[in-house]
Amino acid sequence: MPGPFTMSQQPVDEHYKGPRTLGLAYAAAVNEEVLELFATGAATVRRELEILEDATP
């Protein structure tokens, strides 16, 4: 599962108007999904490493 930072770097943002608010929205969604996975019996959830570079010049 990709993390919120990675996901926030990939789409065109026409709603949140900024990387911070978009990243926070993704973080809430990822948290909800992980909690649902554990609630349904998942023993572990694997996350991908975050992109740590800003690709914009």
N, C-alpha and C. Protein backbone atom coordinates (compact mmCIF):
# COMPACT_ATOMS: atom_id res chain seq x y z
N MET A 1 0.85 -1.16 0.00
CA MET A 1 0.00 0.00 0.00
C MET A 1 0.90 1.23 0.00
N PRO A 2 0.73 2.13 -0.96
CA PRO A 2 1.53 3.35 -0.95
C PRO A 2 1.10 4.26 0.20
N GLY A 3 2.03 5.07 0.65
CA GLY A 3 1.73 6.00 1.71
C GLY A 3 1.11 7.29 1.19
N PRO A 4 0.62 8.15 2.09
CA PRO A 4 -0.07 9.36 1.68
C PRO A 4 0.81 10.35 0.93
N PHE A 5 2.10 10.44 1.29
CA PHE A 5 2.97 11.38 0.58
C PHE A 5 3.15 10.96 -0.86
N THR A 6 3.42 9.67 -1.07
CA THR A 6 3.59 9.15 -2.43
C THR A 6 2.33 9.40 -3.25
N MET A 7 1.18 9.08 -2.69
CA MET A 7 -0.08 9.28 -3.42
C MET A 7 -0.34 10.75 -3.73
N SER A 8 0.04 11.64 -2.82
CA SER A 8 -0.24 13.06 -3.04
C SER A 8 0.68 13.68 -4.09
N GLN A 9 1.77 13.01 -4.45
CA GLN A 9 2.68 13.54 -5.46
C GLN A 9 2.28 13.14 -6.88
N GLN A 10 1.34 12.22 -7.04
CA GLN A 10 1.03 11.67 -8.35
C GLN A 10 -0.17 12.31 -9.07
N PRO A 11 -1.25 12.69 -8.40
CA PRO A 11 -2.41 13.20 -9.14
C PRO A 11 -2.32 14.69 -9.45
N VAL A 12 -3.20 15.13 -10.31
CA VAL A 12 -3.39 16.56 -10.53
C VAL A 12 -4.39 17.02 -9.47
N ASP A 13 -4.02 17.99 -8.66
CA ASP A 13 -4.86 18.45 -7.56
C ASP A 13 -5.69 19.64 -8.00
N GLU A 14 -6.96 19.42 -8.24
CA GLU A 14 -7.87 20.51 -8.60
C GLU A 14 -8.87 20.80 -7.49
N HIS A 15 -8.77 20.07 -6.38
CA HIS A 15 -9.73 20.24 -5.30
C HIS A 15 -9.09 20.81 -4.03
N TYR A 16 -8.00 20.21 -3.59
CA TYR A 16 -7.40 20.59 -2.32
C TYR A 16 -6.53 21.83 -2.40
N LYS A 17 -6.03 22.15 -3.57
CA LYS A 17 -5.25 23.37 -3.81
C LYS A 17 -3.96 23.46 -3.01
N GLY A 18 -3.38 22.33 -2.70
CA GLY A 18 -2.09 22.36 -2.02
C GLY A 18 -1.66 20.98 -1.57
N PRO A 19 -0.36 20.73 -1.57
CA PRO A 19 0.13 19.40 -1.23
C PRO A 19 -0.13 19.00 0.23
N ARG A 20 -0.13 19.96 1.13
CA ARG A 20 -0.34 19.62 2.54
C ARG A 20 -1.76 19.11 2.78
N THR A 21 -2.76 19.84 2.32
CA THR A 21 -4.14 19.40 2.55
C THR A 21 -4.45 18.12 1.77
N LEU A 22 -3.89 17.98 0.58
CA LEU A 22 -4.08 16.75 -0.19
C LEU A 22 -3.43 15.57 0.54
N GLY A 23 -2.21 15.76 1.03
CA GLY A 23 -1.52 14.71 1.78
C GLY A 23 -2.26 14.30 3.04
N LEU A 24 -2.83 15.28 3.74
CA LEU A 24 -3.60 14.97 4.95
C LEU A 24 -4.87 14.19 4.62
N ALA A 25 -5.50 14.52 3.51
CA ALA A 25 -6.70 13.77 3.09
C ALA A 25 -6.33 12.33 2.75
N TYR A 26 -5.22 12.15 2.04
CA TYR A 26 -4.75 10.80 1.73
C TYR A 26 -4.39 10.06 3.01
N ALA A 27 -3.75 10.73 3.96
CA ALA A 27 -3.37 10.09 5.22
C ALA A 27 -4.61 9.58 5.96
N ALA A 28 -5.66 10.37 5.98
CA ALA A 28 -6.90 9.94 6.63
C ALA A 28 -7.49 8.72 5.93
N ALA A 29 -7.45 8.72 4.60
CA ALA A 29 -7.98 7.59 3.83
C ALA A 29 -7.15 6.33 4.05
N VAL A 30 -5.83 6.48 4.06
CA VAL A 30 -4.95 5.33 4.29
C VAL A 30 -5.17 4.78 5.70
N ASN A 31 -5.27 5.67 6.68
CA ASN A 31 -5.51 5.24 8.06
C ASN A 31 -6.82 4.46 8.16
N GLU A 32 -7.86 4.96 7.53
CA GLU A 32 -9.16 4.27 7.56
C GLU A 32 -9.06 2.88 6.93
N GLU A 33 -8.37 2.80 5.80
CA GLU A 33 -8.22 1.51 5.12
C GLU A 33 -7.42 0.52 5.97
N VAL A 34 -6.34 0.99 6.58
CA VAL A 34 -5.52 0.10 7.42
C VAL A 34 -6.33 -0.39 8.62
N LEU A 35 -7.07 0.49 9.25
CA LEU A 35 -7.90 0.08 10.39
C LEU A 35 -8.94 -0.95 9.96
N GLU A 36 -9.54 -0.78 8.77
CA GLU A 36 -10.51 -1.75 8.27
C GLU A 36 -9.84 -3.10 8.00
N LEU A 37 -8.63 -3.07 7.45
CA LEU A 37 -7.91 -4.32 7.19
C LEU A 37 -7.65 -5.09 8.48
N PHE A 38 -7.20 -4.38 9.52
CA PHE A 38 -6.96 -5.04 10.80
C PHE A 38 -8.27 -5.52 11.43
N ALA A 39 -9.33 -4.75 11.28
CA ALA A 39 -10.63 -5.14 11.85
C ALA A 39 -11.18 -6.40 11.19
N THR A 40 -10.81 -6.63 9.95
CA THR A 40 -11.31 -7.82 9.25
C THR A 40 -10.34 -9.00 9.34
N GLY A 41 -9.29 -8.85 10.16
CA GLY A 41 -8.43 -9.99 10.43
C GLY A 41 -7.03 -9.96 9.86
N ALA A 42 -6.65 -8.89 9.18
CA ALA A 42 -5.29 -8.82 8.65
C ALA A 42 -4.29 -8.81 9.81
N ALA A 43 -3.24 -9.61 9.68
CA ALA A 43 -2.21 -9.65 10.72
C ALA A 43 -1.18 -8.56 10.51
N THR A 44 -0.90 -8.23 9.25
CA THR A 44 0.06 -7.18 8.92
C THR A 44 -0.43 -6.43 7.68
N VAL A 45 0.06 -5.22 7.54
CA VAL A 45 -0.19 -4.41 6.35
C VAL A 45 1.15 -3.86 5.90
N ARG A 46 1.50 -4.10 4.66
CA ARG A 46 2.78 -3.64 4.14
C ARG A 46 2.59 -2.34 3.38
N ARG A 47 3.40 -1.35 3.74
CA ARG A 47 3.39 -0.06 3.05
C ARG A 47 4.63 0.07 2.19
N GLU A 48 4.49 0.72 1.07
CA GLU A 48 5.64 1.01 0.23
C GLU A 48 6.39 2.20 0.83
N LEU A 49 7.66 2.30 0.47
CA LEU A 49 8.45 3.44 0.93
C LEU A 49 7.96 4.72 0.28
N GLU A 50 8.03 5.79 1.01
CA GLU A 50 7.61 7.09 0.50
C GLU A 50 8.62 7.64 -0.50
N ILE A 51 8.13 8.43 -1.44
CA ILE A 51 9.01 9.18 -2.33
C ILE A 51 9.54 10.35 -1.50
N LEU A 52 10.85 10.48 -1.41
CA LEU A 52 11.41 11.53 -0.56
C LEU A 52 12.00 12.68 -1.36
N GLU A 53 11.84 12.66 -2.67
CA GLU A 53 12.37 13.73 -3.48
C GLU A 53 11.21 14.54 -4.06
N ASP A 54 11.40 15.83 -4.17
CA ASP A 54 10.43 16.69 -4.83
C ASP A 54 10.83 16.75 -6.30
N ALA A 55 9.97 16.28 -7.18
CA ALA A 55 10.30 16.20 -8.61
C ALA A 55 10.16 17.53 -9.32
N THR A 56 9.65 18.56 -8.65
CA THR A 56 9.49 19.85 -9.31
C THR A 56 10.80 20.63 -9.30
N PRO A 57 11.10 21.33 -10.38
CA PRO A 57 12.36 22.10 -10.43
C PRO A 57 12.35 23.30 -9.51
